[in-house]
């Protein structure tokens, strides 16, 4: 999923489609011209901070998610945030429960133990 979310425009397009919105509907919700939304999705225009904020609000995500760097070192976090952003409320509740369980258990991965022993 990390490679499919390489740009702001691609993230916006994926979220818009996941929410079954047209570019026109997203533009209306965000107070932006639908042609501008299309240009952003195709990476023909770089959205302003105000446009990022409006699009994020219309899509129901944190603006920071749209601005995540495609840097490979952050790919695990980017992937997790993508799954969370695309989750239904029921899935979000399950993701939260799993995260709480893993963190509260104190589970640690020993990077020096490659054979699982």
Protein backbone atom coordinates (compact mmCIF):
# COMPACT_ATOMS: atom_id res chain seq x y z
CA UNK A 1 0.00 0.00 0.00
CA UNK A 2 2.92 2.38 0.64
CA UNK A 3 3.83 2.62 -3.04
CA UNK A 4 0.23 3.33 -4.07
CA UNK A 5 0.10 6.28 -1.70
CA UNK A 6 3.20 8.01 -3.01
CA UNK A 7 1.74 11.48 -3.50
CA UNK A 8 -0.77 13.89 -2.03
CA UNK A 9 -2.89 13.63 -5.18
CA UNK A 10 -2.92 9.85 -5.13
CA UNK A 11 -3.91 9.81 -1.45
CA UNK A 12 -6.76 12.20 -2.16
CA UNK A 13 -7.97 10.13 -5.12
CA UNK A 14 -7.85 6.86 -3.17
CA UNK A 15 -9.73 8.34 -0.21
CA UNK A 16 -12.29 10.02 -2.48
CA UNK A 17 -12.97 6.77 -4.32
CA UNK A 18 -13.10 4.79 -1.06
CA UNK A 19 -15.81 7.19 0.13
CA UNK A 20 -17.67 6.85 -3.20
CA UNK A 21 -17.37 10.55 -3.98
CA UNK A 22 -16.98 12.13 -7.39
CA UNK A 23 -14.49 14.95 -7.90
CA UNK A 24 -17.50 17.26 -8.12
CA UNK A 25 -18.87 16.07 -4.78
CA UNK A 26 -15.47 16.34 -3.09
CA UNK A 27 -14.99 19.81 -4.55
CA UNK A 28 -18.38 20.87 -3.19
CA UNK A 29 -17.67 19.45 0.27
CA UNK A 30 -14.25 21.13 0.36
CA UNK A 31 -15.40 24.39 -1.22
CA UNK A 32 -13.05 23.87 -4.17
CA UNK A 33 -13.53 23.78 -7.92
CA UNK A 34 -13.89 20.16 -9.12
CA UNK A 35 -11.42 20.86 -11.94
CA UNK A 36 -8.87 21.90 -9.32
CA UNK A 37 -9.52 18.66 -7.39
CA UNK A 38 -8.85 16.69 -10.57
CA UNK A 39 -5.63 18.59 -11.22
CA UNK A 40 -4.45 17.92 -7.67
CA UNK A 41 -5.27 14.22 -8.00
CA UNK A 42 -3.27 14.05 -11.25
CA UNK A 43 -0.38 15.92 -9.59
CA UNK A 44 -0.75 18.78 -12.05
CA UNK A 45 -1.30 21.29 -9.24
CA UNK A 46 0.23 21.52 -5.79
CA UNK A 47 -2.51 22.26 -3.25
CA UNK A 48 -2.10 25.11 -0.79
CA UNK A 49 -2.20 24.44 2.94
CA UNK A 50 -5.76 25.78 2.98
CA UNK A 51 -6.78 23.39 0.21
CA UNK A 52 -5.11 20.48 2.02
CA UNK A 53 -7.04 21.37 5.16
CA UNK A 54 -10.34 21.65 3.28
CA UNK A 55 -9.80 18.38 1.39
CA UNK A 56 -8.77 16.54 4.53
CA UNK A 57 -11.83 17.77 6.40
CA UNK A 58 -14.09 16.77 3.50
CA UNK A 59 -12.46 13.32 3.40
CA UNK A 60 -12.54 12.86 7.18
CA UNK A 61 -8.79 12.51 7.68
CA UNK A 62 -6.06 14.46 9.42
CA UNK A 63 -4.33 16.91 7.04
CA UNK A 64 -1.01 15.36 8.07
CA UNK A 65 -2.04 12.09 6.46
CA UNK A 66 -2.29 13.78 3.07
CA UNK A 67 1.17 15.26 3.51
CA UNK A 68 3.03 12.11 4.58
CA UNK A 69 6.38 11.75 2.93
CA UNK A 70 6.80 8.75 0.64
CA UNK A 71 10.20 8.24 2.35
CA UNK A 72 10.84 4.51 2.67
CA UNK A 73 11.98 4.86 6.31
CA UNK A 74 8.48 5.98 7.25
CA UNK A 75 6.68 3.39 5.11
CA UNK A 76 5.44 1.29 8.05
CA UNK A 77 3.84 4.32 9.67
CA UNK A 78 2.49 5.52 6.32
CA UNK A 79 0.98 2.12 5.62
CA UNK A 80 -0.63 1.94 9.05
CA UNK A 81 -2.04 5.45 8.72
CA UNK A 82 -3.42 4.56 5.28
CA UNK A 83 -5.23 1.53 6.66
CA UNK A 84 -6.62 3.61 9.52
CA UNK A 85 -7.72 6.41 7.18
CA UNK A 86 -9.58 3.94 4.98
CA UNK A 87 -11.18 1.98 7.83
CA UNK A 88 -14.88 1.95 8.58
CA UNK A 89 -15.92 2.97 12.11
CA UNK A 90 -16.29 -0.72 13.01
CA UNK A 91 -12.83 -1.52 11.64
CA UNK A 92 -11.42 1.49 13.46
CA UNK A 93 -12.76 0.16 16.75
CA UNK A 94 -11.09 -3.20 16.07
CA UNK A 95 -7.79 -1.58 15.04
CA UNK A 96 -7.84 0.46 18.25
CA UNK A 97 -8.53 -2.62 20.38
CA UNK A 98 -5.69 -4.55 18.71
CA UNK A 99 -3.26 -1.65 19.17
CA UNK A 100 -4.23 -1.26 22.84
CA UNK A 101 -3.73 -4.99 23.41
CA UNK A 102 -0.32 -5.10 21.72
CA UNK A 103 0.98 -1.98 23.45
CA UNK A 104 -0.37 -2.87 26.91
CA UNK A 105 1.07 -6.40 26.70
CA UNK A 106 4.57 -5.01 26.46
CA UNK A 107 5.21 -7.19 23.41
CA UNK A 108 8.65 -6.54 21.94
CA UNK A 109 10.36 -7.85 18.83
CA UNK A 110 13.97 -8.80 19.36
CA UNK A 111 15.69 -7.64 16.17
CA UNK A 112 18.72 -9.82 16.93
CA UNK A 113 16.59 -12.96 17.06
CA UNK A 114 16.00 -13.77 13.39
CA UNK A 115 15.19 -17.45 13.82
CA UNK A 116 12.37 -16.91 16.32
CA UNK A 117 14.01 -18.85 19.15
